[in-house]
Amino acid sequence: MKKNIYLILSIIGFILPYYFVIKFYMLNTITTSAALSQLVSTDWGALFVADLGISVLAAWTFIYNEAARLKMKNWWVYPAVTMMVGLSFGLPLFLYFRERKLEQ
């Protein structure tokens, strides 16, 4: 049951960020680099980026160490999907497959 919650969270973590990305690009004609520049142009935005950046590094460290401990193959997929979608997808996806590994 617990692993299914992680799977649901990973699905939501994939859909929700992309909803906002698609919505943003449908309403704006600016480039991705301009959008990122806008993101860090305020203290609140910079706070969000710094907090998320540290959280991503902590998650990647956990993923690497836990995958090595459990001898999980293809551990690099989870940091990769974090870069492509976000931590809201990569971390719950890893936790789902970690639970599957622990059940074995």
PDB file of N, CA and C in Angstrom:
ATOM      1  N   MET A   1       0.828  -1.202   0.000  1.00  0.00           N
ATOM      2  CA  MET A   1       0.000   0.000   0.000  1.00  0.00           C
ATOM      3  C   MET A   1       0.865   1.257   0.000  1.00  0.00           C
ATOM      4  N   LYS A   2       1.929   1.262   0.830  1.00  0.00           N
ATOM      5  CA  LYS A   2       2.782   2.446   0.925  1.00  0.00           C
ATOM      6  C   LYS A   2       3.418   2.767  -0.418  1.00  0.00           C
ATOM      7  N   LYS A   3       3.824   1.737  -1.143  1.00  0.00           N
ATOM      8  CA  LYS A   3       4.479   1.988  -2.417  1.00  0.00           C
ATOM      9  C   LYS A   3       3.512   2.606  -3.415  1.00  0.00           C
ATOM     10  N   ASN A   4       2.223   2.269  -3.322  1.00  0.00           N
ATOM     11  CA  ASN A   4       1.236   2.844  -4.229  1.00  0.00           C
ATOM     12  C   ASN A   4       1.065   4.340  -4.003  1.00  0.00           C
ATOM     13  N   ILE A   5       1.218   4.772  -2.768  1.00  0.00           N
ATOM     14  CA  ILE A   5       1.168   6.212  -2.481  1.00  0.00           C
ATOM     15  C   ILE A   5       2.316   6.912  -3.194  1.00  0.00           C
ATOM     16  N   TYR A   6       3.505   6.312  -3.165  1.00  0.00           N
ATOM     17  CA  TYR A   6       4.648   6.894  -3.872  1.00  0.00           C
ATOM     18  C   TYR A   6       4.406   6.946  -5.376  1.00  0.00           C
ATOM     19  N   LEU A   7       3.770   5.918  -5.902  1.00  0.00           N
ATOM     20  CA  LEU A   7       3.471   5.904  -7.335  1.00  0.00           C
ATOM     21  C   LEU A   7       2.479   7.012  -7.687  1.00  0.00           C
ATOM     22  N   ILE A   8       1.448   7.173  -6.891  1.00  0.00           N
ATOM     23  CA  ILE A   8       0.465   8.242  -7.117  1.00  0.00           C
ATOM     24  C   ILE A   8       1.136   9.605  -7.022  1.00  0.00           C
ATOM     25  N   LEU A   9       2.006   9.775  -6.012  1.00  0.00           N
ATOM     26  CA  LEU A   9       2.712  11.047  -5.868  1.00  0.00           C
ATOM     27  C   LEU A   9       3.632  11.325  -7.055  1.00  0.00           C
ATOM     28  N   SER A  10       4.255  10.288  -7.587  1.00  0.00           N
ATOM     29  CA  SER A  10       5.134  10.504  -8.741  1.00  0.00           C
ATOM     30  C   SER A  10       4.325  10.896  -9.973  1.00  0.00           C
ATOM     31  N   ILE A  11       3.147  10.330 -10.137  1.00  0.00           N
ATOM     32  CA  ILE A  11       2.284  10.704 -11.265  1.00  0.00           C
ATOM     33  C   ILE A  11       1.835  12.157 -11.122  1.00  0.00           C
ATOM     34  N   ILE A  12       1.388  12.522  -9.934  1.00  0.00           N
ATOM     35  CA  ILE A  12       1.002  13.914  -9.679  1.00  0.00           C
ATOM     36  C   ILE A  12       2.217  14.827  -9.848  1.00  0.00           C
ATOM     37  N   GLY A  13       3.377  14.355  -9.372  1.00  0.00           N
ATOM     38  CA  GLY A  13       4.611  15.127  -9.478  1.00  0.00           C
ATOM     39  C   GLY A  13       5.103  15.301 -10.898  1.00  0.00           C
ATOM     40  N   PHE A  14       4.614  14.481 -11.806  1.00  0.00           N
ATOM     41  CA  PHE A  14       4.909  14.650 -13.223  1.00  0.00           C
ATOM     42  C   PHE A  14       3.908  15.606 -13.866  1.00  0.00           C
ATOM     43  N   ILE A  15       2.633  15.393 -13.609  1.00  0.00           N
ATOM     44  CA  ILE A  15       1.575  16.152 -14.272  1.00  0.00           C
ATOM     45  C   ILE A  15       1.528  17.608 -13.800  1.00  0.00           C
ATOM     46  N   LEU A  16       1.553  17.835 -12.498  1.00  0.00           N
ATOM     47  CA  LEU A  16       1.363  19.185 -11.960  1.00  0.00           C
ATOM     48  C   LEU A  16       2.432  20.176 -12.416  1.00  0.00           C
ATOM     49  N   PRO A  17       3.722  19.855 -12.323  1.00  0.00           N
ATOM     50  CA  PRO A  17       4.714  20.825 -12.814  1.00  0.00           C
ATOM     51  C   PRO A  17       4.555  21.125 -14.313  1.00  0.00           C
ATOM     52  N   TYR A  18       4.294  20.090 -15.096  1.00  0.00           N
ATOM     53  CA  TYR A  18       4.151  20.325 -16.534  1.00  0.00           C
ATOM     54  C   TYR A  18       2.895  21.105 -16.868  1.00  0.00           C
ATOM     55  N   TYR A  19       1.863  21.009 -16.061  1.00  0.00           N
ATOM     56  CA  TYR A  19       0.673  21.838 -16.240  1.00  0.00           C
ATOM     57  C   TYR A  19       1.079  23.310 -16.186  1.00  0.00           C
ATOM     58  N   PHE A  20       1.860  23.671 -15.181  1.00  0.00           N
ATOM     59  CA  PHE A  20       2.267  25.064 -15.029  1.00  0.00           C
ATOM     60  C   PHE A  20       3.264  25.503 -16.100  1.00  0.00           C
ATOM     61  N   VAL A  21       4.144  24.600 -16.516  1.00  0.00           N
ATOM     62  CA  VAL A  21       5.091  24.930 -17.586  1.00  0.00           C
ATOM     63  C   VAL A  21       4.339  25.206 -18.886  1.00  0.00           C
ATOM     64  N   ILE A  22       3.416  24.321 -19.214  1.00  0.00           N
ATOM     65  CA  ILE A  22       2.648  24.488 -20.451  1.00  0.00           C
ATOM     66  C   ILE A  22       1.796  25.753 -20.377  1.00  0.00           C
ATOM     67  N   LYS A  23       1.156  25.965 -19.245  1.00  0.00           N
ATOM     68  CA  LYS A  23       0.342  27.173 -19.054  1.00  0.00           C
ATOM     69  C   LYS A  23       1.200  28.425 -19.220  1.00  0.00           C
ATOM     70  N   PHE A  24       2.391  28.427 -18.630  1.00  0.00           N
ATOM     71  CA  PHE A  24       3.288  29.580 -18.723  1.00  0.00           C
ATOM     72  C   PHE A  24       3.646  29.879 -20.173  1.00  0.00           C
ATOM     73  N   TYR A  25       4.057  28.847 -20.909  1.00  0.00           N
ATOM     74  CA  TYR A  25       4.491  29.066 -22.291  1.00  0.00           C
ATOM     75  C   TYR A  25       3.334  29.382 -23.228  1.00  0.00           C
ATOM     76  N   MET A  26       2.118  28.989 -22.873  1.00  0.00           N
ATOM     77  CA  MET A  26       0.960  29.367 -23.687  1.00  0.00           C
ATOM     78  C   MET A  26       0.608  30.841 -23.489  1.00  0.00           C
ATOM     79  N   LEU A  27       0.910  31.374 -22.311  1.00  0.00           N
ATOM     80  CA  LEU A  27       0.569  32.764 -22.003  1.00  0.00           C
ATOM     81  C   LEU A  27       1.715  33.734 -22.269  1.00  0.00           C
ATOM     82  N   ASN A  28       2.945  33.230 -22.406  1.00  0.00           N
ATOM     83  CA  ASN A  28       4.113  34.098 -22.550  1.00  0.00           C
ATOM     84  C   ASN A  28       4.927  33.690 -23.772  1.00  0.00           C
ATOM     85  N   THR A  29       5.618  34.671 -24.302  1.00  0.00           N
ATOM     86  CA  THR A  29       6.463  34.393 -25.470  1.00  0.00           C
ATOM     87  C   THR A  29       7.946  34.490 -25.130  1.00  0.00           C
ATOM     88  N   ILE A  30       8.276  34.560 -23.852  1.00  0.00           N
ATOM     89  CA  ILE A  30       9.679  34.706 -23.480  1.00  0.00           C
ATOM     90  C   ILE A  30      10.396  33.362 -23.539  1.00  0.00           C
ATOM     91  N   THR A  31      11.711  33.420 -23.591  1.00  0.00           N
ATOM     92  CA  THR A  31      12.521  32.202 -23.667  1.00  0.00           C
ATOM     93  C   THR A  31      12.673  31.577 -22.280  1.00  0.00           C
ATOM     94  N   THR A  32      13.164  30.357 -22.265  1.00  0.00           N
ATOM     95  CA  THR A  32      13.390  29.659 -21.001  1.00  0.00           C
ATOM     96  C   THR A  32      14.427  30.393 -20.155  1.00  0.00           C
ATOM     97  N   SER A  33      15.496  30.891 -20.779  1.00  0.00           N
ATOM     98  CA  SER A  33      16.516  31.608 -20.004  1.00  0.00           C
ATOM     99  C   SER A  33      15.942  32.893 -19.407  1.00  0.00           C
ATOM    100  N   ALA A  34      15.050  33.566 -20.129  1.00  0.00           N
ATOM    101  CA  ALA A  34      14.407  34.767 -19.576  1.00  0.00           C
ATOM    102  C   ALA A  34      13.476  34.394 -18.425  1.00  0.00           C
ATOM    103  N   ALA A  35      12.787  33.264 -18.545  1.00  0.00           N
ATOM    104  CA  ALA A  35      11.901  32.814 -17.474  1.00  0.00           C
ATOM    105  C   ALA A  35      12.706  32.490 -16.216  1.00  0.00           C
ATOM    106  N   LEU A  36      13.840  31.802 -16.389  1.00  0.00           N
ATOM    107  CA  LEU A  36      14.692  31.481 -15.236  1.00  0.00           C
ATOM    108  C   LEU A  36      15.272  32.746 -14.622  1.00  0.00           C
ATOM    109  N   SER A  37      15.592  33.707 -15.447  1.00  0.00           N
ATOM    110  CA  SER A  37      16.097  34.983 -14.949  1.00  0.00           C
ATOM    111  C   SER A  37      15.038  35.686 -14.105  1.00  0.00           C
ATOM    112  N   GLN A  38      13.794  35.641 -14.560  1.00  0.00           N
ATOM    113  CA  GLN A  38      12.695  36.223 -13.791  1.00  0.00           C
ATOM    114  C   GLN A  38      12.519  35.503 -12.458  1.00  0.00           C
ATOM    115  N   LEU A  39      12.721  34.203 -12.458  1.00  0.00           N
ATOM    116  CA  LEU A  39      12.531  33.402 -11.253  1.00  0.00           C
ATOM    117  C   LEU A  39      13.446  33.858 -10.124  1.00  0.00           C
ATOM    118  N   VAL A  40      14.683  34.167 -10.437  1.00  0.00           N
ATOM    119  CA  VAL A  40      15.640  34.556  -9.394  1.00  0.00           C
ATOM    120  C   VAL A  40      15.777  36.064  -9.252  1.00  0.00           C
ATOM    121  N   SER A  41      14.920  36.827  -9.909  1.00  0.00           N
ATOM    122  CA  SER A  41      15.032  38.285  -9.854  1.00  0.00           C
ATOM    123  C   SER A  41      14.506  38.868  -8.543  1.00  0.00           C
ATOM    124  N   THR A  42      13.758  38.082  -7.767  1.00  0.00           N
ATOM    125  CA  THR A  42      13.284  38.557  -6.462  1.00  0.00           C
ATOM    126  C   THR A  42      13.901  37.699  -5.364  1.00  0.00           C
ATOM    127  N   ASP A  43      13.920  38.238  -4.165  1.00  0.00           N
ATOM    128  CA  ASP A  43      14.451  37.469  -3.031  1.00  0.00           C
ATOM    129  C   ASP A  43      13.632  36.212  -2.776  1.00  0.00           C
ATOM    130  N   TRP A  44      12.308  36.297  -2.940  1.00  0.00           N
ATOM    131  CA  TRP A  44      11.463  35.128  -2.717  1.00  0.00           C
ATOM    132  C   TRP A  44      11.740  34.046  -3.750  1.00  0.00           C
ATOM    133  N   GLY A  45      11.927  34.451  -4.987  1.00  0.00           N
ATOM    134  CA  GLY A  45      12.251  33.485  -6.031  1.00  0.00           C
ATOM    135  C   GLY A  45      13.610  32.848  -5.791  1.00  0.00           C
ATOM    136  N   ALA A  46      14.589  33.669  -5.410  1.00  0.00           N
ATOM    137  CA  ALA A  46      15.928  33.154  -5.127  1.00  0.00           C
ATOM    138  C   ALA A  46      15.895  32.196  -3.928  1.00  0.00           C
ATOM    139  N   LEU A  47      15.085  32.526  -2.923  1.00  0.00           N
ATOM    140  CA  LEU A  47      14.918  31.640  -1.769  1.00  0.00           C
ATOM    141  C   LEU A  47      14.385  30.284  -2.223  1.00  0.00           C
ATOM    142  N   PHE A  48      13.375  30.293  -3.090  1.00  0.00           N
ATOM    143  CA  PHE A  48      12.793  29.060  -3.607  1.00  0.00           C
ATOM    144  C   PHE A  48      13.837  28.243  -4.363  1.00  0.00           C
ATOM    145  N   VAL A  49      14.613  28.894  -5.218  1.00  0.00           N
ATOM    146  CA  VAL A  49      15.633  28.196  -6.006  1.00  0.00           C
ATOM    147  C   VAL A  49      16.712  27.607  -5.098  1.00  0.00           C
ATOM    148  N   ALA A  50      17.165  28.379  -4.107  1.00  0.00           N
ATOM    149  CA  ALA A  50      18.195  27.891  -3.191  1.00  0.00           C
ATOM    150  C   ALA A  50      17.678  26.713  -2.366  1.00  0.00           C
ATOM    151  N   ASP A  51      16.469  26.830  -1.856  1.00  0.00           N
ATOM    152  CA  ASP A  51      15.885  25.765  -1.048  1.00  0.00           C
ATOM    153  C   ASP A  51      15.702  24.491  -1.875  1.00  0.00           C
ATOM    154  N   LEU A  52      15.165  24.638  -3.071  1.00  0.00           N
ATOM    155  CA  LEU A  52      14.961  23.484  -3.938  1.00  0.00           C
ATOM    156  C   LEU A  52      16.294  22.872  -4.361  1.00  0.00           C
ATOM    157  N   GLY A  53      17.274  23.710  -4.639  1.00  0.00           N
ATOM    158  CA  GLY A  53      18.591  23.202  -5.033  1.00  0.00           C
ATOM    159  C   GLY A  53      19.223  22.347  -3.946  1.00  0.00           C
ATOM    160  N   ILE A  54      19.152  22.808  -2.713  1.00  0.00           N
ATOM    161  CA  ILE A  54      19.708  22.032  -1.601  1.00  0.00           C
ATOM    162  C   ILE A  54      18.904  20.749  -1.392  1.00  0.00           C
ATOM    163  N   SER A  55      17.586  20.837  -1.534  1.00  0.00           N
ATOM    164  CA  SER A  55      16.739  19.650  -1.400  1.00  0.00           C
ATOM    165  C   SER A  55      17.050  18.613  -2.475  1.00  0.00           C
ATOM    166  N   VAL A  56      17.303  19.069  -3.685  1.00  0.00           N
ATOM    167  CA  VAL A  56      17.650  18.157  -4.772  1.00  0.00           C
ATOM    168  C   VAL A  56      18.981  17.465  -4.478  1.00  0.00           C
ATOM    169  N   LEU A  57      19.972  18.220  -4.032  1.00  0.00           N
ATOM    170  CA  LEU A  57      21.272  17.612  -3.709  1.00  0.00           C
ATOM    171  C   LEU A  57      21.149  16.598  -2.575  1.00  0.00           C
ATOM    172  N   ALA A  58      20.343  16.913  -1.571  1.00  0.00           N
ATOM    173  CA  ALA A  58      20.124  15.970  -0.469  1.00  0.00           C
ATOM    174  C   ALA A  58      19.415  14.712  -0.976  1.00  0.00           C
ATOM    175  N   ALA A  59      18.420  14.883  -1.841  1.00  0.00           N
ATOM    176  CA  ALA A  59      17.696  13.731  -2.390  1.00  0.00           C
ATOM    177  C   ALA A  59      18.625  12.874  -3.237  1.00  0.00           C
ATOM    178  N   TRP A  60      19.456  13.503  -4.066  1.00  0.00           N
ATOM    179  CA  TRP A  60      20.382  12.735  -4.899  1.00  0.00           C
ATOM    180  C   TRP A  60      21.372  11.955  -4.048  1.00  0.00           C
ATOM    181  N   THR A  61      21.845  12.552  -2.962  1.00  0.00           N
ATOM    182  CA  THR A  61      22.760  11.859  -2.066  1.00  0.00           C
ATOM    183  C   THR A  61      22.068  10.654  -1.445  1.00  0.00           C
ATOM    184  N   PHE A  62      20.834  10.855  -0.994  1.00  0.00           N
ATOM    185  CA  PHE A  62      20.053   9.750  -0.431  1.00  0.00           C
ATOM    186  C   PHE A  62      19.827   8.660  -1.474  1.00  0.00           C
ATOM    187  N   ILE A  63      19.433   9.058  -2.678  1.00  0.00           N
ATOM    188  CA  ILE A  63      19.173   8.094  -3.749  1.00  0.00           C
ATOM    189  C   ILE A  63      20.422   7.274  -4.045  1.00  0.00           C
ATOM    190  N   TYR A  64      21.549   7.945  -4.192  1.00  0.00           N
ATOM    191  CA  TYR A  64      22.801   7.236  -4.498  1.00  0.00           C
ATOM    192  C   TYR A  64      23.151   6.242  -3.393  1.00  0.00           C
ATOM    193  N   ASN A  65      23.127   6.704  -2.153  1.00  0.00           N
ATOM    194  CA  ASN A  65      23.515   5.846  -1.025  1.00  0.00           C
ATOM    195  C   ASN A  65      22.531   4.694  -0.814  1.00  0.00           C
ATOM    196  N   GLU A  66      21.256   4.988  -0.914  1.00  0.00           N
ATOM    197  CA  GLU A  66      20.245   3.953  -0.696  1.00  0.00           C
ATOM    198  C   GLU A  66      20.249   2.936  -1.841  1.00  0.00           C
ATOM    199  N   ALA A  67      20.416   3.414  -3.060  1.00  0.00           N
ATOM    200  CA  ALA A  67      20.480   2.500  -4.207  1.00  0.00           C
ATOM    201  C   ALA A  67      21.707   1.597  -4.097  1.00  0.00           C
ATOM    202  N   ALA A  68      22.830   2.142  -3.631  1.00  0.00           N
ATOM    203  CA  ALA A  68      24.036   1.327  -3.458  1.00  0.00           C
ATOM    204  C   ALA A  68      23.824   0.296  -2.346  1.00  0.00           C
ATOM    205  N   ARG A  69      23.203   0.719  -1.257  1.00  0.00           N
ATOM    206  CA  ARG A  69      22.960  -0.179  -0.131  1.00  0.00           C
ATOM    207  C   ARG A  69      22.066  -1.344  -0.533  1.00  0.00           C
ATOM    208  N   LEU A  70      21.040  -1.036  -1.335  1.00  0.00           N
ATOM    209  CA  LEU A  70      20.078  -2.062  -1.740  1.00  0.00           C
ATOM    210  C   LEU A  70      20.456  -2.741  -3.058  1.00  0.00           C
ATOM    211  N   LYS A  71      21.599  -2.326  -3.610  1.00  0.00           N
ATOM    212  CA  LYS A  71      22.072  -2.872  -4.892  1.00  0.00           C
ATOM    213  C   LYS A  71      21.023  -2.707  -5.999  1.00  0.00           C
ATOM    214  N   MET A  72      20.449  -1.491  -6.058  1.00  0.00           N
ATOM    215  CA  MET A  72      19.469  -1.170  -7.088  1.00  0.00           C
ATOM    216  C   MET A  72      20.213  -0.787  -8.364  1.00  0.00           C
ATOM    217  N   LYS A  73      19.774  -1.345  -9.474  1.00  0.00           N
ATOM    218  CA  LYS A  73      20.387  -1.027 -10.757  1.00  0.00           C
ATOM    219  C   LYS A  73      19.791   0.272 -11.298  1.00  0.00           C
ATOM    220  N   ASN A  74      20.519   0.894 -12.191  1.00  0.00           N
ATOM    221  CA  ASN A  74      20.055   2.097 -12.898  1.00  0.00           C
ATOM    222  C   ASN A  74      19.664   3.238 -11.957  1.00  0.00           C
ATOM    223  N   TRP A  75      20.419   3.420 -10.886  1.00  0.00           N
ATOM    224  CA  TRP A  75      20.119   4.477  -9.917  1.00  0.00           C
ATOM    225  C   TRP A  75      20.189   5.858 -10.559  1.00  0.00           C
ATOM    226  N   TRP A  76      20.962   6.000 -11.623  1.00  0.00           N
ATOM    227  CA  TRP A  76      21.161   7.290 -12.282  1.00  0.00           C
ATOM    228  C   TRP A  76      19.888   7.808 -12.952  1.00  0.00           C
ATOM    229  N   VAL A  77      18.905   6.942 -13.145  1.00  0.00           N
ATOM    230  CA  VAL A  77      17.655   7.361 -13.785  1.00  0.00           C
ATOM    231  C   VAL A  77      16.943   8.413 -12.936  1.00  0.00           C
ATOM    232  N   TYR A  78      16.989   8.273 -11.635  1.00  0.00           N
ATOM    233  CA  TYR A  78      16.229   9.158 -10.749  1.00  0.00           C
ATOM    234  C   TYR A  78      16.786  10.582 -10.728  1.00  0.00           C
ATOM    235  N   PRO A  79      18.107  10.794 -10.644  1.00  0.00           N
ATOM    236  CA  PRO A  79      18.608  12.163 -10.827  1.00  0.00           C
ATOM    237  C   PRO A  79      18.302  12.716 -12.225  1.00  0.00           C
ATOM    238  N   ALA A  80      18.334  11.838 -13.233  1.00  0.00           N
ATOM    239  CA  ALA A  80      18.053  12.294 -14.600  1.00  0.00           C
ATOM    240  C   ALA A  80      16.616  12.789 -14.731  1.00  0.00           C
ATOM    241  N   VAL A  81      15.651  12.014 -14.203  1.00  0.00           N
ATOM    242  CA  VAL A  81      14.260  12.467 -14.316  1.00  0.00           C
ATOM    243  C   VAL A  81      13.994  13.676 -13.422  1.00  0.00           C
ATOM    244  N   THR A  82      14.776  13.815 -12.358  1.00  0.00           N
ATOM    245  CA  THR A  82      14.664  15.020 -11.541  1.00  0.00           C
ATOM    246  C   THR A  82      15.063  16.245 -12.365  1.00  0.00           C
ATOM    247  N   MET A  83      16.107  16.108 -13.169  1.00  0.00           N
ATOM    248  CA  MET A  83      16.536  17.225 -14.021  1.00  0.00           C
ATOM    249  C   MET A  83      15.534  17.494 -15.150  1.00  0.00           C
ATOM    250  N   MET A  84      14.881  16.457 -15.648  1.00  0.00           N
ATOM    251  CA  MET A  84      13.947  16.627 -16.760  1.00  0.00           C
ATOM    252  C   MET A  84      12.562  17.098 -16.311  1.00  0.00           C
ATOM    253  N   VAL A  85      12.126  16.661 -15.132  1.00  0.00           N
ATOM    254  CA  VAL A  85      10.788  17.011 -14.650  1.00  0.00           C
ATOM    255  C   VAL A  85      10.880  17.802 -13.355  1.00  0.00           C
ATOM    256  N   GLY A  86      11.468  17.207 -12.339  1.00  0.00           N
ATOM    257  CA  GLY A  86      11.587  17.881 -11.057  1.00  0.00           C
ATOM    258  C   GLY A  86      11.679  16.888  -9.920  1.00  0.00           C
ATOM    259  N   LEU A  87      12.009  17.414  -8.766  1.00  0.00           N
ATOM    260  CA  LEU A  87      12.116  16.582  -7.570  1.00  0.00           C
ATOM    261  C   LEU A  87      10.772  15.952  -7.217  1.00  0.00           C
ATOM    262  N   SER A  88       9.687  16.646  -7.538  1.00  0.00           N
ATOM    263  CA  SER A  88       8.353  16.128  -7.233  1.00  0.00           C
ATOM    264  C   SER A  88       8.038  14.855  -8.004  1.00  0.00           C
ATOM    265  N   PHE A  89       8.779  14.559  -9.053  1.00  0.00           N
ATOM    266  CA  PHE A  89       8.630  13.315  -9.807  1.00  0.00           C
ATOM    267  C   PHE A  89       9.741  12.327  -9.456  1.00  0.00           C
ATOM    268  N   GLY A  90      10.984  12.807  -9.449  1.00  0.00           N
ATOM    269  CA  GLY A  90      12.131  11.929  -9.260  1.00  0.00           C
ATOM    270  C   GLY A  90      12.181  11.241  -7.906  1.00  0.00           C
ATOM    271  N   LEU A  91      11.917  11.971  -6.837  1.00  0.00           N
ATOM    272  CA  LEU A  91      12.001  11.375  -5.497  1.00  0.00           C
ATOM    273  C   LEU A  91      10.890  10.358  -5.236  1.00  0.00           C
ATOM    274  N   PRO A  92       9.615  10.680  -5.490  1.00  0.00           N
ATOM    275  CA  PRO A  92       8.600   9.640  -5.261  1.00  0.00           C
ATOM    276  C   PRO A  92       8.775   8.429  -6.168  1.00  0.00           C
ATOM    277  N   LEU A  93       9.283   8.644  -7.385  1.00  0.00           N
ATOM    278  CA  LEU A  93       9.531   7.514  -8.276  1.00  0.00           C
ATOM    279  C   LEU A  93      10.602   6.600  -7.690  1.00  0.00           C
ATOM    280  N   PHE A  94      11.686   7.201  -7.173  1.00  0.00           N
ATOM    281  CA  PHE A  94      12.721   6.396  -6.521  1.00  0.00           C
ATOM    282  C   PHE A  94      12.147   5.653  -5.317  1.00  0.00           C
ATOM    283  N   LEU A  95      11.365   6.351  -4.500  1.00  0.00           N
ATOM    284  CA  LEU A  95      10.809   5.723  -3.297  1.00  0.00           C
ATOM    285  C   LEU A  95       9.877   4.565  -3.663  1.00  0.00           C
ATOM    286  N   TYR A  96       9.140   4.699  -4.761  1.00  0.00           N
ATOM    287  CA  TYR A  96       8.289   3.607  -5.230  1.00  0.00           C
ATOM    288  C   TYR A  96       9.131   2.370  -5.558  1.00  0.00           C
ATOM    289  N   PHE A  97      10.191   2.558  -6.367  1.00  0.00           N
ATOM    290  CA  PHE A  97      11.021   1.414  -6.749  1.00  0.00           C
ATOM    291  C   PHE A  97      11.851   0.896  -5.574  1.00  0.00           C
ATOM    292  N   ARG A  98      12.174   1.760  -4.649  1.00  0.00           N
ATOM    293  CA  ARG A  98      12.864   1.320  -3.429  1.00  0.00           C
ATOM    294  C   ARG A  98      11.960   0.383  -2.626  1.00  0.00           C
ATOM    295  N   GLU A  99      10.696   0.753  -2.480  1.00  0.00           N
ATOM    296  CA  GLU A  99       9.742  -0.111  -1.759  1.00  0.00           C
ATOM    297  C   GLU A  99       9.574  -1.448  -2.462  1.00  0.00           C
ATOM    298  N   ARG A 100       9.543  -1.426  -3.783  1.00  0.00           N
ATOM    299  CA  ARG A 100       9.443  -2.689  -4.532  1.00  0.00           C
ATOM    300  C   ARG A 100      10.672  -3.557  -4.260  1.00  0.00           C
ATOM    301  N   LYS A 101      11.843  -2.935  -4.226  1.00  0.00           N
ATOM    302  CA  LYS A 101      13.073  -3.678  -3.949  1.00  0.00           C
ATOM    303  C   LYS A 101      13.047  -4.256  -2.536  1.00  0.00           C
ATOM    304  N   LEU A 102      12.578  -3.481  -1.568  1.00  0.00           N
ATOM    305  CA  LEU A 102      12.516  -3.951  -0.188  1.00  0.00           C
ATOM    306  C   LEU A 102      11.528  -5.108  -0.028  1.00  0.00           C
ATOM    307  N   GLU A 103      10.491  -5.153  -0.841  1.00  0.00           N
ATOM    308  CA  GLU A 103       9.520  -6.249  -0.788  1.00  0.00           C
ATOM    309  C   GLU A 103      10.084  -7.571  -1.305  1.00  0.00           C
ATOM    310  N   GLN A 104      11.133  -7.496  -2.104  1.00  0.00           N
ATOM    311  CA  GLN A 104      11.720  -8.720  -2.692  1.00  0.00           C
ATOM    312  C   GLN A 104      12.464  -9.537  -1.656  1.00  0.00           C
TER     313      GLN A 104
END
